[in-house]
Amino acid sequence: MSSTTFRYIVRVAGVDIDGNLKVAYGLAKIKGVGVTLAYALCRKLGIDPEARIGNLSEAEVKKIEEALANPKVLGLPDWMFNRRKDYESGKDIHLIGSDLIIAVKRDIELLKKIRCWRGIRHQLGLKVRGQRTRTTGRLGVTVGVKRKRR
């Protein structure tokens, strides 16, 4: 399980990860991978999630990268994926890194294009998810308390 040398920086899926981190928390540093998915990947691949990521061998790192590229092969439940019923393909997929960023930007552009409520809020730079806007999210000189004139 352990390689002979400890690596202080491990590159997994295009991200440099501190070798002192535990495997599950190191994998969670990758955009699109949370701690829950990282633990599930480790258990399915037979890697100790509590081990340090710097102690992993090259073969284990390669195994993790392949699993991140296609987690459906491992038999993970669909609710763990971040793009279920993808708009374009209709499949349950999991995106990581720059692919995820591009997909989210494309989704926001679609919302703007069809002029739905969320798209309009994105265009105007306002809060999108129904948060309060009377007192928070202010930009410029509008901050402050307005007193009543006598």
C-alpha atoms as a PDB file:
ATOM      1  CA  MET A   1       0.000   0.000   0.000  1.00  0.00           C
ATOM      2  CA  SER A   2       2.756   2.473   0.873  1.00  0.00           C
ATOM      3  CA  SER A   3       5.516   3.474  -1.462  1.00  0.00           C
ATOM      4  CA  THR A   4       9.061   3.715  -0.209  1.00  0.00           C
ATOM      5  CA  THR A   5       9.290   7.502  -0.504  1.00  0.00           C
ATOM      6  CA  PHE A   6       7.026  10.204   0.810  1.00  0.00           C
ATOM      7  CA  ARG A   7       6.001  12.868  -1.706  1.00  0.00           C
ATOM      8  CA  TYR A   8       5.211  16.313  -0.332  1.00  0.00           C
ATOM      9  CA  ILE A   9       3.168  17.298  -3.391  1.00  0.00           C
ATOM     10  CA  VAL A  10       1.008  14.800  -5.286  1.00  0.00           C
ATOM     11  CA  ARG A  11      -0.626  15.703  -8.596  1.00  0.00           C
ATOM     12  CA  VAL A  12      -4.071  14.148  -8.999  1.00  0.00           C
ATOM     13  CA  ALA A  13      -6.405  15.114 -11.871  1.00  0.00           C
ATOM     14  CA  GLY A  14      -4.398  18.245 -12.645  1.00  0.00           C
ATOM     15  CA  VAL A  15      -4.393  19.553  -9.055  1.00  0.00           C
ATOM     16  CA  ASP A  16      -1.367  19.728  -6.755  1.00  0.00           C
ATOM     17  CA  ILE A  17      -2.308  18.293  -3.356  1.00  0.00           C
ATOM     18  CA  ASP A  18      -0.318  18.585  -0.129  1.00  0.00           C
ATOM     19  CA  GLY A  19       1.148  15.159   0.657  1.00  0.00           C
ATOM     20  CA  ASN A  20       0.546  15.584   4.413  1.00  0.00           C
ATOM     21  CA  LEU A  21      -3.237  15.530   3.975  1.00  0.00           C
ATOM     22  CA  LYS A  22      -5.255  12.372   4.482  1.00  0.00           C
ATOM     23  CA  VAL A  23      -6.356  10.787   1.207  1.00  0.00           C
ATOM     24  CA  ALA A  24     -10.045  11.676   1.541  1.00  0.00           C
ATOM     25  CA  TYR A  25      -9.380  15.311   2.453  1.00  0.00           C
ATOM     26  CA  GLY A  26      -6.692  15.644  -0.198  1.00  0.00           C
ATOM     27  CA  LEU A  27      -9.092  14.436  -2.887  1.00  0.00           C
ATOM     28  CA  ALA A  28     -11.682  16.917  -1.599  1.00  0.00           C
ATOM     29  CA  LYS A  29      -9.310  19.721  -2.688  1.00  0.00           C
ATOM     30  CA  ILE A  30     -10.205  18.855  -6.314  1.00  0.00           C
ATOM     31  CA  LYS A  31     -13.071  21.022  -7.596  1.00  0.00           C
ATOM     32  CA  GLY A  32     -16.158  18.844  -7.920  1.00  0.00           C
ATOM     33  CA  VAL A  33     -15.043  16.242  -5.354  1.00  0.00           C
ATOM     34  CA  GLY A  34     -16.394  16.469  -1.831  1.00  0.00           C
ATOM     35  CA  VAL A  35     -15.408  14.548   1.274  1.00  0.00           C
ATOM     36  CA  THR A  36     -18.315  12.092   0.898  1.00  0.00           C
ATOM     37  CA  LEU A  37     -17.375  11.209  -2.674  1.00  0.00           C
ATOM     38  CA  ALA A  38     -13.698  10.985  -1.701  1.00  0.00           C
ATOM     39  CA  TYR A  39     -14.448   8.495   1.098  1.00  0.00           C
ATOM     40  CA  ALA A  40     -16.663   6.451  -1.239  1.00  0.00           C
ATOM     41  CA  LEU A  41     -13.933   6.350  -3.915  1.00  0.00           C
ATOM     42  CA  CYS A  42     -11.318   5.262  -1.380  1.00  0.00           C
ATOM     43  CA  ARG A  43     -13.494   2.468  -0.030  1.00  0.00           C
ATOM     44  CA  LYS A  44     -14.409   1.195  -3.505  1.00  0.00           C
ATOM     45  CA  LEU A  45     -10.753   1.243  -4.614  1.00  0.00           C
ATOM     46  CA  GLY A  46      -9.495  -0.430  -1.434  1.00  0.00           C
ATOM     47  CA  ILE A  47      -7.363   2.540  -0.364  1.00  0.00           C
ATOM     48  CA  ASP A  48      -7.251   3.596   3.296  1.00  0.00           C
ATOM     49  CA  PRO A  49      -8.916   7.049   3.433  1.00  0.00           C
ATOM     50  CA  GLU A  50      -7.045   7.860   6.655  1.00  0.00           C
ATOM     51  CA  ALA A  51      -3.589   7.286   5.093  1.00  0.00           C
ATOM     52  CA  ARG A  52      -1.489  10.251   3.992  1.00  0.00           C
ATOM     53  CA  ILE A  53      -1.773  11.024   0.295  1.00  0.00           C
ATOM     54  CA  GLY A  54       2.016  11.449   0.056  1.00  0.00           C
ATOM     55  CA  ASN A  55       2.469   7.749   0.876  1.00  0.00           C
ATOM     56  CA  LEU A  56       0.391   6.526  -2.089  1.00  0.00           C
ATOM     57  CA  SER A  57       2.167   4.729  -4.902  1.00  0.00           C
ATOM     58  CA  GLU A  58       1.984   5.865  -8.519  1.00  0.00           C
ATOM     59  CA  ALA A  59      -0.317   2.919  -9.308  1.00  0.00           C
ATOM     60  CA  GLU A  60      -2.771   3.974  -6.589  1.00  0.00           C
ATOM     61  CA  VAL A  61      -2.762   7.581  -7.797  1.00  0.00           C
ATOM     62  CA  LYS A  62      -3.411   6.374 -11.346  1.00  0.00           C
ATOM     63  CA  LYS A  63      -6.275   4.202 -10.057  1.00  0.00           C
ATOM     64  CA  ILE A  64      -7.798   7.250  -8.306  1.00  0.00           C
ATOM     65  CA  GLU A  65      -7.507   9.383 -11.461  1.00  0.00           C
ATOM     66  CA  GLU A  66      -9.251   6.725 -13.557  1.00  0.00           C
ATOM     67  CA  ALA A  67     -12.026   6.439 -10.966  1.00  0.00           C
ATOM     68  CA  LEU A  68     -12.488  10.228 -10.923  1.00  0.00           C
ATOM     69  CA  ALA A  69     -12.736  10.276 -14.715  1.00  0.00           C
ATOM     70  CA  ASN A  70     -15.589   7.748 -14.658  1.00  0.00           C
ATOM     71  CA  PRO A  71     -17.020   7.054 -11.171  1.00  0.00           C
ATOM     72  CA  LYS A  72     -20.086   5.279 -12.590  1.00  0.00           C
ATOM     73  CA  VAL A  73     -17.916   2.206 -13.317  1.00  0.00           C
ATOM     74  CA  LEU A  74     -17.306   1.763  -9.570  1.00  0.00           C
ATOM     75  CA  GLY A  75     -21.025   1.334  -8.942  1.00  0.00           C
ATOM     76  CA  LEU A  76     -21.470   4.514  -6.904  1.00  0.00           C
ATOM     77  CA  PRO A  77     -25.094   5.627  -6.412  1.00  0.00           C
ATOM     78  CA  ASP A  78     -26.399   8.270  -8.809  1.00  0.00           C
ATOM     79  CA  TRP A  79     -27.089  10.767  -6.027  1.00  0.00           C
ATOM     80  CA  MET A  80     -23.336  11.210  -5.552  1.00  0.00           C
ATOM     81  CA  PHE A  81     -22.859  12.676  -9.042  1.00  0.00           C
ATOM     82  CA  ASN A  82     -22.921  16.432  -9.564  1.00  0.00           C
ATOM     83  CA  ARG A  83     -24.686  16.410 -12.977  1.00  0.00           C
ATOM     84  CA  ARG A  84     -27.667  14.104 -12.870  1.00  0.00           C
ATOM     85  CA  LYS A  85     -29.833  14.078 -15.991  1.00  0.00           C
ATOM     86  CA  ASP A  86     -27.411  16.364 -17.798  1.00  0.00           C
ATOM     87  CA  TYR A  87     -29.211  18.865 -20.026  1.00  0.00           C
ATOM     88  CA  GLU A  88     -27.339  17.881 -23.200  1.00  0.00           C
ATOM     89  CA  SER A  89     -26.808  14.148 -22.825  1.00  0.00           C
ATOM     90  CA  GLY A  90     -29.600  13.170 -20.414  1.00  0.00           C
ATOM     91  CA  LYS A  91     -27.171  10.926 -18.500  1.00  0.00           C
ATOM     92  CA  ASP A  92     -25.934  10.949 -14.938  1.00  0.00           C
ATOM     93  CA  ILE A  93     -22.345  12.209 -15.078  1.00  0.00           C
ATOM     94  CA  HIS A  94     -19.787  13.614 -12.665  1.00  0.00           C
ATOM     95  CA  LEU A  95     -17.566  16.506 -13.722  1.00  0.00           C
ATOM     96  CA  ILE A  96     -14.414  17.735 -12.006  1.00  0.00           C
ATOM     97  CA  GLY A  97     -12.053  20.673 -12.447  1.00  0.00           C
ATOM     98  CA  SER A  98     -12.348  22.938 -15.462  1.00  0.00           C
ATOM     99  CA  ASP A  99     -15.053  20.754 -17.050  1.00  0.00           C
ATOM    100  CA  LEU A 100     -17.328  21.551 -14.106  1.00  0.00           C
ATOM    101  CA  ILE A 101     -16.595  25.291 -14.284  1.00  0.00           C
ATOM    102  CA  ILE A 102     -17.350  25.365 -18.029  1.00  0.00           C
ATOM    103  CA  ALA A 103     -20.592  23.403 -17.561  1.00  0.00           C
ATOM    104  CA  VAL A 104     -21.838  25.783 -14.835  1.00  0.00           C
ATOM    105  CA  LYS A 105     -21.016  28.829 -16.980  1.00  0.00           C
ATOM    106  CA  ARG A 106     -22.871  27.235 -19.886  1.00  0.00           C
ATOM    107  CA  ASP A 107     -25.900  26.634 -17.629  1.00  0.00           C
ATOM    108  CA  ILE A 108     -25.922  30.272 -16.499  1.00  0.00           C
ATOM    109  CA  GLU A 109     -25.649  31.472 -20.113  1.00  0.00           C
ATOM    110  CA  LEU A 110     -28.656  29.291 -20.978  1.00  0.00           C
ATOM    111  CA  LEU A 111     -30.654  30.815 -18.114  1.00  0.00           C
ATOM    112  CA  LYS A 112     -29.788  34.297 -19.380  1.00  0.00           C
ATOM    113  CA  LYS A 113     -30.662  33.375 -22.950  1.00  0.00           C
ATOM    114  CA  ILE A 114     -34.133  32.047 -22.123  1.00  0.00           C
ATOM    115  CA  ARG A 115     -34.699  35.089 -19.884  1.00  0.00           C
ATOM    116  CA  CYS A 116     -35.975  33.137 -16.887  1.00  0.00           C
ATOM    117  CA  TRP A 117     -36.068  34.691 -13.423  1.00  0.00           C
ATOM    118  CA  ARG A 118     -32.744  33.212 -12.356  1.00  0.00           C
ATOM    119  CA  GLY A 119     -31.137  34.315 -15.611  1.00  0.00           C
ATOM    120  CA  ILE A 120     -32.336  37.887 -15.183  1.00  0.00           C
ATOM    121  CA  ARG A 121     -31.046  37.966 -11.585  1.00  0.00           C
ATOM    122  CA  HIS A 122     -27.655  36.713 -12.832  1.00  0.00           C
ATOM    123  CA  GLN A 123     -27.596  39.425 -15.511  1.00  0.00           C
ATOM    124  CA  LEU A 124     -28.379  42.169 -13.027  1.00  0.00           C
ATOM    125  CA  GLY A 125     -25.811  40.911 -10.518  1.00  0.00           C
ATOM    126  CA  LEU A 126     -28.455  40.416  -7.827  1.00  0.00           C
ATOM    127  CA  LYS A 127     -29.009  37.514  -5.452  1.00  0.00           C
ATOM    128  CA  VAL A 128     -30.410  34.516  -7.308  1.00  0.00           C
ATOM    129  CA  ARG A 129     -31.669  32.123  -4.656  1.00  0.00           C
ATOM    130  CA  GLY A 130     -34.291  34.200  -2.871  1.00  0.00           C
ATOM    131  CA  GLN A 131     -32.074  35.790  -0.240  1.00  0.00           C
ATOM    132  CA  ARG A 132     -32.897  39.103   1.412  1.00  0.00           C
ATOM    133  CA  THR A 133     -31.655  42.104  -0.563  1.00  0.00           C
ATOM    134  CA  ARG A 134     -33.053  45.005   1.456  1.00  0.00           C
ATOM    135  CA  THR A 135     -30.000  45.274   3.686  1.00  0.00           C
ATOM    136  CA  THR A 136     -27.395  42.856   2.329  1.00  0.00           C
ATOM    137  CA  GLY A 137     -25.530  42.596  -0.928  1.00  0.00           C
ATOM    138  CA  ARG A 138     -25.238  46.353  -1.340  1.00  0.00           C
ATOM    139  CA  LEU A 139     -22.505  47.872  -3.463  1.00  0.00           C
ATOM    140  CA  GLY A 140     -21.423  51.496  -3.601  1.00  0.00           C
ATOM    141  CA  VAL A 141     -22.604  54.340  -1.360  1.00  0.00           C
ATOM    142  CA  THR A 142     -26.005  52.846  -0.484  1.00  0.00           C
ATOM    143  CA  VAL A 143     -24.670  51.389   2.764  1.00  0.00           C
ATOM    144  CA  GLY A 144     -25.879  53.054   5.947  1.00  0.00           C
ATOM    145  CA  VAL A 145     -28.930  53.919   8.014  1.00  0.00           C
ATOM    146  CA  LYS A 146     -31.382  56.478   6.716  1.00  0.00           C
ATOM    147  CA  ARG A 147     -32.836  58.710   9.450  1.00  0.00           C
ATOM    148  CA  LYS A 148     -36.290  60.197   9.321  1.00  0.00           C
ATOM    149  CA  ARG A 149     -36.373  63.940   8.810  1.00  0.00           C
ATOM    150  CA  ARG A 150     -38.299  65.955  11.424  1.00  0.00           C
END
